[in-house]
C-alpha atoms as a PDB file:
ATOM      1  CA  MET A   1     -18.048 100.335 100.275  1.00  0.00           C
ATOM      2  CA  LYS A   2     -17.494  98.656  96.903  1.00  0.00           C
ATOM      3  CA  LEU A   3     -19.293  95.394  96.104  1.00  0.00           C
ATOM      4  CA  THR A   4     -19.322  93.288  92.963  1.00  0.00           C
ATOM      5  CA  ILE A   5     -22.863  92.071  92.314  1.00  0.00           C
ATOM      6  CA  ASN A   6     -23.399  89.618  89.454  1.00  0.00           C
ATOM      7  CA  GLY A   7     -20.138  90.797  87.892  1.00  0.00           C
ATOM      8  CA  GLU A   8     -20.947  94.535  88.150  1.00  0.00           C
ATOM      9  CA  SER A   9     -19.115  96.881  90.538  1.00  0.00           C
ATOM     10  CA  ARG A  10     -21.416  98.962  92.734  1.00  0.00           C
ATOM     11  CA  ASN A  11     -20.564 101.544  95.405  1.00  0.00           C
ATOM     12  CA  PHE A  12     -22.544 102.046  98.600  1.00  0.00           C
ATOM     13  CA  GLU A  13     -22.060 104.849 101.127  1.00  0.00           C
ATOM     14  CA  LYS A  14     -22.432 102.715 104.235  1.00  0.00           C
ATOM     15  CA  ARG A  15     -21.902  99.157 105.399  1.00  0.00           C
ATOM     16  CA  LEU A  16     -24.926  96.957 104.881  1.00  0.00           C
ATOM     17  CA  THR A  17     -26.270  93.622 105.960  1.00  0.00           C
ATOM     18  CA  LEU A  18     -27.274  91.318 103.150  1.00  0.00           C
ATOM     19  CA  THR A  19     -30.938  91.937 104.001  1.00  0.00           C
ATOM     20  CA  ALA A  20     -30.435  95.710 103.712  1.00  0.00           C
ATOM     21  CA  LEU A  21     -28.643  95.304 100.383  1.00  0.00           C
ATOM     22  CA  LEU A  22     -31.458  93.175  98.976  1.00  0.00           C
ATOM     23  CA  GLY A  23     -33.907  95.892 100.039  1.00  0.00           C
ATOM     24  CA  GLU A  24     -31.854  98.592  98.293  1.00  0.00           C
ATOM     25  CA  LEU A  25     -31.774  96.470  95.138  1.00  0.00           C
ATOM     26  CA  GLY A  26     -35.573  96.036  95.204  1.00  0.00           C
ATOM     27  CA  LEU A  27     -35.306  92.340  96.022  1.00  0.00           C
ATOM     28  CA  GLY A  28     -36.346  92.457  99.679  1.00  0.00           C
ATOM     29  CA  GLU A  29     -39.622  90.612  99.208  1.00  0.00           C
ATOM     30  CA  LYS A  30     -38.561  88.297  96.379  1.00  0.00           C
ATOM     31  CA  PRO A  31     -37.247  84.766  96.811  1.00  0.00           C
ATOM     32  CA  VAL A  32     -33.542  84.790  95.975  1.00  0.00           C
ATOM     33  CA  VAL A  33     -30.491  82.567  96.124  1.00  0.00           C
ATOM     34  CA  VAL A  34     -27.344  84.373  97.249  1.00  0.00           C
ATOM     35  CA  GLU A  35     -23.719  83.385  97.003  1.00  0.00           C
ATOM     36  CA  LEU A  36     -21.298  85.543  99.006  1.00  0.00           C
ATOM     37  CA  ASN A  37     -17.620  85.136  98.165  1.00  0.00           C
ATOM     38  CA  ARG A  38     -18.408  81.765  96.546  1.00  0.00           C
ATOM     39  CA  GLU A  39     -20.336  80.503  99.596  1.00  0.00           C
ATOM     40  CA  ALA A  40     -24.058  79.765  99.236  1.00  0.00           C
ATOM     41  CA  LEU A  41     -26.091  81.276 102.056  1.00  0.00           C
ATOM     42  CA  ALA A  42     -29.348  80.145 103.602  1.00  0.00           C
ATOM     43  CA  PRO A  43     -32.063  82.831 103.777  1.00  0.00           C
ATOM     44  CA  SER A  44     -31.871  82.625 107.587  1.00  0.00           C
ATOM     45  CA  GLU A  45     -28.309  84.042 107.348  1.00  0.00           C
ATOM     46  CA  PHE A  46     -29.193  87.167 105.328  1.00  0.00           C
ATOM     47  CA  ALA A  47     -29.972  89.435 108.301  1.00  0.00           C
ATOM     48  CA  LEU A  48     -26.850  88.343 110.165  1.00  0.00           C
ATOM     49  CA  ARG A  49     -24.329  88.775 107.332  1.00  0.00           C
ATOM     50  CA  GLU A  50     -22.639  92.165 107.272  1.00  0.00           C
ATOM     51  CA  LEU A  51     -21.029  92.887 103.947  1.00  0.00           C
ATOM     52  CA  SER A  52     -17.456  94.142 103.626  1.00  0.00           C
ATOM     53  CA  ASP A  53     -15.642  96.232 101.063  1.00  0.00           C
ATOM     54  CA  GLY A  54     -14.637  94.058  98.114  1.00  0.00           C
ATOM     55  CA  ASP A  55     -17.216  91.294  98.663  1.00  0.00           C
ATOM     56  CA  LEU A  56     -18.355  89.320  95.612  1.00  0.00           C
ATOM     57  CA  LEU A  57     -22.052  88.466  95.376  1.00  0.00           C
ATOM     58  CA  GLU A  58     -24.117  86.446  92.958  1.00  0.00           C
ATOM     59  CA  ILE A  59     -27.850  87.003  93.415  1.00  0.00           C
ATOM     60  CA  ILE A  60     -30.407  84.947  91.511  1.00  0.00           C
ATOM     61  CA  THR A  61     -34.153  85.503  91.740  1.00  0.00           C
ATOM     62  CA  ILE A  62     -36.336  82.424  91.876  1.00  0.00           C
ATOM     63  CA  ALA A  63     -39.295  82.321  89.510  1.00  0.00           C
ATOM     64  CA  ALA A  64     -41.994  79.677  89.362  1.00  0.00           C
ATOM     65  CA  GLY A  65     -42.692  78.191  85.994  1.00  0.00           C
ATOM     66  CA  GLY A  66     -43.966  75.177  84.320  1.00  0.00           C
END
């Protein structure tokens, strides 16, 4: 399965949910904002969203600052 993540093409051997993808990217425990095919997703949707070949994702980590 080929995904474009933050403008970079990446290949994965199996279909993944968004939660599984975040885990593989090392972002499973971090607060993130995700846009899937130009649609912003709520964190409650991550486990339910199965990704498909050709999906476009933008993933932004949230960092506290002041």
